[in-house]
């Protein structure tokens, strides 16, 4: 699942999806953990990082990432496989992707979800293992 996951939709999402690319809070982490344990399922999780500290975006702030990751690994049964980000619109995506790759490596995570239709080649060249291409396939949004 890509996109904001509301806590009231977790029960459905855990049944439907193999991956969640948008873990952005401890509240959501606890809900995912509770729901997947009820049905004996283990979803692959990406932590969404608010890499630009943007108020309008969700995600864990870079300064809080290590503590957040340590807490969910210690307290919850979540299979965190990597990090995910959406670069700020005014940022150089290559700079952001380099920072994300370093954060991912520091946490010793294997997967990295970054890059969309406009910057997927730069993301792939920076180590992204999952890219999110929509408008290149489906066309621009109206």
C-alpha atoms as a PDB file:
ATOM      1  CA  UNK A   1       0.000   0.000   0.000  1.00  0.00           C
ATOM      2  CA  UNK A   2       1.296   3.410  -0.985  1.00  0.00           C
ATOM      3  CA  UNK A   3      -0.118   6.594   0.491  1.00  0.00           C
ATOM      4  CA  UNK A   4      -1.381   7.755   3.857  1.00  0.00           C
ATOM      5  CA  UNK A   5      -2.819   4.918   5.902  1.00  0.00           C
ATOM      6  CA  UNK A   6      -5.473   6.010   8.383  1.00  0.00           C
ATOM      7  CA  UNK A   7      -5.561   4.011  11.604  1.00  0.00           C
ATOM      8  CA  UNK A   8      -9.243   3.135  11.078  1.00  0.00           C
ATOM      9  CA  UNK A   9      -8.278   1.408   7.791  1.00  0.00           C
ATOM     10  CA  UNK A  10      -5.423  -0.710   9.196  1.00  0.00           C
ATOM     11  CA  UNK A  11      -7.564  -3.809   9.762  1.00  0.00           C
ATOM     12  CA  UNK A  12      -8.459  -3.908   6.046  1.00  0.00           C
ATOM     13  CA  UNK A  13      -4.970  -2.950   4.848  1.00  0.00           C
ATOM     14  CA  UNK A  14      -3.273  -5.709   6.844  1.00  0.00           C
ATOM     15  CA  UNK A  15      -5.521  -8.277   5.185  1.00  0.00           C
ATOM     16  CA  UNK A  16      -5.083  -6.894   1.650  1.00  0.00           C
ATOM     17  CA  UNK A  17      -1.504  -5.711   1.260  1.00  0.00           C
ATOM     18  CA  UNK A  18       1.921  -7.330   1.512  1.00  0.00           C
ATOM     19  CA  UNK A  19       3.743  -3.996   1.860  1.00  0.00           C
ATOM     20  CA  UNK A  20       2.940  -0.730   3.596  1.00  0.00           C
ATOM     21  CA  UNK A  21       5.099   2.163   2.394  1.00  0.00           C
ATOM     22  CA  UNK A  22       3.849   4.798   4.806  1.00  0.00           C
ATOM     23  CA  UNK A  23       4.415   4.033   8.482  1.00  0.00           C
ATOM     24  CA  UNK A  24       4.480   7.544   9.893  1.00  0.00           C
ATOM     25  CA  UNK A  25       3.667   7.372  13.624  1.00  0.00           C
ATOM     26  CA  UNK A  26       3.882   5.223  16.740  1.00  0.00           C
ATOM     27  CA  UNK A  27       0.072   5.127  16.905  1.00  0.00           C
ATOM     28  CA  UNK A  28      -0.065   3.604  13.424  1.00  0.00           C
ATOM     29  CA  UNK A  29       2.781   1.189  14.234  1.00  0.00           C
ATOM     30  CA  UNK A  30       0.903  -0.128  17.282  1.00  0.00           C
ATOM     31  CA  UNK A  31      -2.305  -0.533  15.296  1.00  0.00           C
ATOM     32  CA  UNK A  32      -0.525  -2.440  12.500  1.00  0.00           C
ATOM     33  CA  UNK A  33       1.190  -4.669  15.059  1.00  0.00           C
ATOM     34  CA  UNK A  34      -2.097  -5.420  16.839  1.00  0.00           C
ATOM     35  CA  UNK A  35      -4.008  -6.194  13.645  1.00  0.00           C
ATOM     36  CA  UNK A  36      -1.361  -8.379  12.045  1.00  0.00           C
ATOM     37  CA  UNK A  37      -0.955 -10.433  15.225  1.00  0.00           C
ATOM     38  CA  UNK A  38      -4.715 -11.110  15.250  1.00  0.00           C
ATOM     39  CA  UNK A  39      -4.525 -12.795  11.849  1.00  0.00           C
ATOM     40  CA  UNK A  40      -0.978 -14.180  12.142  1.00  0.00           C
ATOM     41  CA  UNK A  41       0.345 -12.131   9.237  1.00  0.00           C
ATOM     42  CA  UNK A  42       3.572 -10.159   8.891  1.00  0.00           C
ATOM     43  CA  UNK A  43       3.449  -7.146   6.555  1.00  0.00           C
ATOM     44  CA  UNK A  44       6.648  -5.669   5.130  1.00  0.00           C
ATOM     45  CA  UNK A  45       6.934  -2.075   6.319  1.00  0.00           C
ATOM     46  CA  UNK A  46       8.670   1.071   5.112  1.00  0.00           C
ATOM     47  CA  UNK A  47       9.051   3.950   7.565  1.00  0.00           C
ATOM     48  CA  UNK A  48       8.046   7.202   5.894  1.00  0.00           C
ATOM     49  CA  UNK A  49      10.623   9.888   6.588  1.00  0.00           C
ATOM     50  CA  UNK A  50       9.621  13.542   6.426  1.00  0.00           C
ATOM     51  CA  UNK A  51      13.060  14.360   5.055  1.00  0.00           C
ATOM     52  CA  UNK A  52      12.347  18.058   4.486  1.00  0.00           C
ATOM     53  CA  UNK A  53      10.635  18.698   7.848  1.00  0.00           C
ATOM     54  CA  UNK A  54       7.602  19.883   5.890  1.00  0.00           C
ATOM     55  CA  UNK A  55       4.479  20.667   7.907  1.00  0.00           C
ATOM     56  CA  UNK A  56       2.168  19.523   5.104  1.00  0.00           C
ATOM     57  CA  UNK A  57       3.792  16.067   4.836  1.00  0.00           C
ATOM     58  CA  UNK A  58       3.533  13.077   7.098  1.00  0.00           C
ATOM     59  CA  UNK A  59       6.460  11.032   8.269  1.00  0.00           C
ATOM     60  CA  UNK A  60       9.054  10.652  10.971  1.00  0.00           C
ATOM     61  CA  UNK A  61      11.484  13.541  11.210  1.00  0.00           C
ATOM     62  CA  UNK A  62      15.104  12.698  10.439  1.00  0.00           C
ATOM     63  CA  UNK A  63      16.164  13.704  13.959  1.00  0.00           C
ATOM     64  CA  UNK A  64      13.644  11.234  15.469  1.00  0.00           C
ATOM     65  CA  UNK A  65      14.211   8.321  13.092  1.00  0.00           C
ATOM     66  CA  UNK A  66      16.760   6.260  15.041  1.00  0.00           C
ATOM     67  CA  UNK A  67      14.726   6.406  18.267  1.00  0.00           C
ATOM     68  CA  UNK A  68      11.485   5.629  16.427  1.00  0.00           C
ATOM     69  CA  UNK A  69      13.062   2.634  14.682  1.00  0.00           C
ATOM     70  CA  UNK A  70      14.609   1.350  17.923  1.00  0.00           C
ATOM     71  CA  UNK A  71      11.284   1.660  19.745  1.00  0.00           C
ATOM     72  CA  UNK A  72       9.219  -0.200  17.158  1.00  0.00           C
ATOM     73  CA  UNK A  73      11.849  -2.936  16.809  1.00  0.00           C
ATOM     74  CA  UNK A  74      11.968  -3.384  20.593  1.00  0.00           C
ATOM     75  CA  UNK A  75       8.260  -3.056  21.394  1.00  0.00           C
ATOM     76  CA  UNK A  76       6.384  -4.258  18.298  1.00  0.00           C
ATOM     77  CA  UNK A  77       6.539  -7.227  15.964  1.00  0.00           C
ATOM     78  CA  UNK A  78       6.963  -5.231  12.746  1.00  0.00           C
ATOM     79  CA  UNK A  79       9.007  -6.310   9.754  1.00  0.00           C
ATOM     80  CA  UNK A  80      10.602  -2.975   8.861  1.00  0.00           C
ATOM     81  CA  UNK A  81      12.478  -3.525   5.605  1.00  0.00           C
ATOM     82  CA  UNK A  82      13.351   0.041   4.652  1.00  0.00           C
ATOM     83  CA  UNK A  83      12.689   3.744   4.511  1.00  0.00           C
ATOM     84  CA  UNK A  84      10.496   5.801   2.184  1.00  0.00           C
ATOM     85  CA  UNK A  85      10.487   9.487   1.327  1.00  0.00           C
ATOM     86  CA  UNK A  86       8.990  12.075  -0.968  1.00  0.00           C
ATOM     87  CA  UNK A  87      11.538  14.851  -1.517  1.00  0.00           C
ATOM     88  CA  UNK A  88      10.514  18.471  -1.000  1.00  0.00           C
ATOM     89  CA  UNK A  89       9.442  20.070  -4.262  1.00  0.00           C
ATOM     90  CA  UNK A  90      12.178  22.706  -4.077  1.00  0.00           C
ATOM     91  CA  UNK A  91      14.999  20.312  -3.139  1.00  0.00           C
ATOM     92  CA  UNK A  92      17.525  18.655  -5.397  1.00  0.00           C
ATOM     93  CA  UNK A  93      16.233  15.047  -5.398  1.00  0.00           C
ATOM     94  CA  UNK A  94      19.737  13.605  -5.751  1.00  0.00           C
ATOM     95  CA  UNK A  95      20.798  15.295  -2.496  1.00  0.00           C
ATOM     96  CA  UNK A  96      17.704  13.975  -0.716  1.00  0.00           C
ATOM     97  CA  UNK A  97      18.191  10.465  -2.112  1.00  0.00           C
ATOM     98  CA  UNK A  98      21.802  10.443  -0.917  1.00  0.00           C
ATOM     99  CA  UNK A  99      20.709  11.396   2.613  1.00  0.00           C
ATOM    100  CA  UNK A 100      18.027   8.695   2.564  1.00  0.00           C
ATOM    101  CA  UNK A 101      20.495   6.059   1.363  1.00  0.00           C
ATOM    102  CA  UNK A 102      22.818   6.964   4.241  1.00  0.00           C
ATOM    103  CA  UNK A 103      19.981   6.786   6.791  1.00  0.00           C
ATOM    104  CA  UNK A 104      18.894   3.426   5.395  1.00  0.00           C
ATOM    105  CA  UNK A 105      22.448   2.109   5.602  1.00  0.00           C
ATOM    106  CA  UNK A 106      22.859   3.379   9.187  1.00  0.00           C
ATOM    107  CA  UNK A 107      19.810   1.336  10.198  1.00  0.00           C
ATOM    108  CA  UNK A 108      21.093  -1.639   8.179  1.00  0.00           C
ATOM    109  CA  UNK A 109      17.879  -1.869   6.155  1.00  0.00           C
ATOM    110  CA  UNK A 110      17.875  -3.607   2.777  1.00  0.00           C
ATOM    111  CA  UNK A 111      15.111  -1.804   0.845  1.00  0.00           C
ATOM    112  CA  UNK A 112      14.596   1.845  -0.020  1.00  0.00           C
ATOM    113  CA  UNK A 113      11.375   3.305  -1.464  1.00  0.00           C
ATOM    114  CA  UNK A 114      12.002   6.596  -3.191  1.00  0.00           C
ATOM    115  CA  UNK A 115      11.523   8.083  -6.613  1.00  0.00           C
ATOM    116  CA  UNK A 116       8.420   8.859  -8.604  1.00  0.00           C
ATOM    117  CA  UNK A 117       7.691   9.504 -12.277  1.00  0.00           C
ATOM    118  CA  UNK A 118       9.658  12.760 -12.342  1.00  0.00           C
ATOM    119  CA  UNK A 119      12.821  11.501 -10.623  1.00  0.00           C
ATOM    120  CA  UNK A 120      12.818   7.698 -10.678  1.00  0.00           C
ATOM    121  CA  UNK A 121      16.069   7.399 -12.651  1.00  0.00           C
ATOM    122  CA  UNK A 122      17.902   9.574 -10.117  1.00  0.00           C
ATOM    123  CA  UNK A 123      16.375   7.512  -7.318  1.00  0.00           C
ATOM    124  CA  UNK A 124      17.401   4.224  -8.917  1.00  0.00           C
ATOM    125  CA  UNK A 125      20.936   5.531  -9.403  1.00  0.00           C
ATOM    126  CA  UNK A 126      20.972   6.516  -5.714  1.00  0.00           C
ATOM    127  CA  UNK A 127      20.068   3.047  -4.443  1.00  0.00           C
ATOM    128  CA  UNK A 128      16.286   2.951  -4.503  1.00  0.00           C
ATOM    129  CA  UNK A 129      14.919  -0.583  -4.674  1.00  0.00           C
ATOM    130  CA  UNK A 130      11.248   0.446  -4.943  1.00  0.00           C
ATOM    131  CA  UNK A 131      10.035   3.294  -7.137  1.00  0.00           C
ATOM    132  CA  UNK A 132       6.532   4.698  -7.364  1.00  0.00           C
ATOM    133  CA  UNK A 133       5.624   5.467 -10.943  1.00  0.00           C
ATOM    134  CA  UNK A 134       2.075   6.609 -11.584  1.00  0.00           C
ATOM    135  CA  UNK A 135       1.808   9.454 -14.056  1.00  0.00           C
ATOM    136  CA  UNK A 136       4.320   7.869 -16.467  1.00  0.00           C
ATOM    137  CA  UNK A 137       1.937   4.899 -16.688  1.00  0.00           C
ATOM    138  CA  UNK A 138      -1.517   6.366 -16.058  1.00  0.00           C
ATOM    139  CA  UNK A 139      -1.017   9.974 -17.161  1.00  0.00           C
ATOM    140  CA  UNK A 140      -1.178  13.194 -15.184  1.00  0.00           C
ATOM    141  CA  UNK A 141      -3.814  13.677 -12.498  1.00  0.00           C
ATOM    142  CA  UNK A 142      -6.724  15.991 -13.229  1.00  0.00           C
END
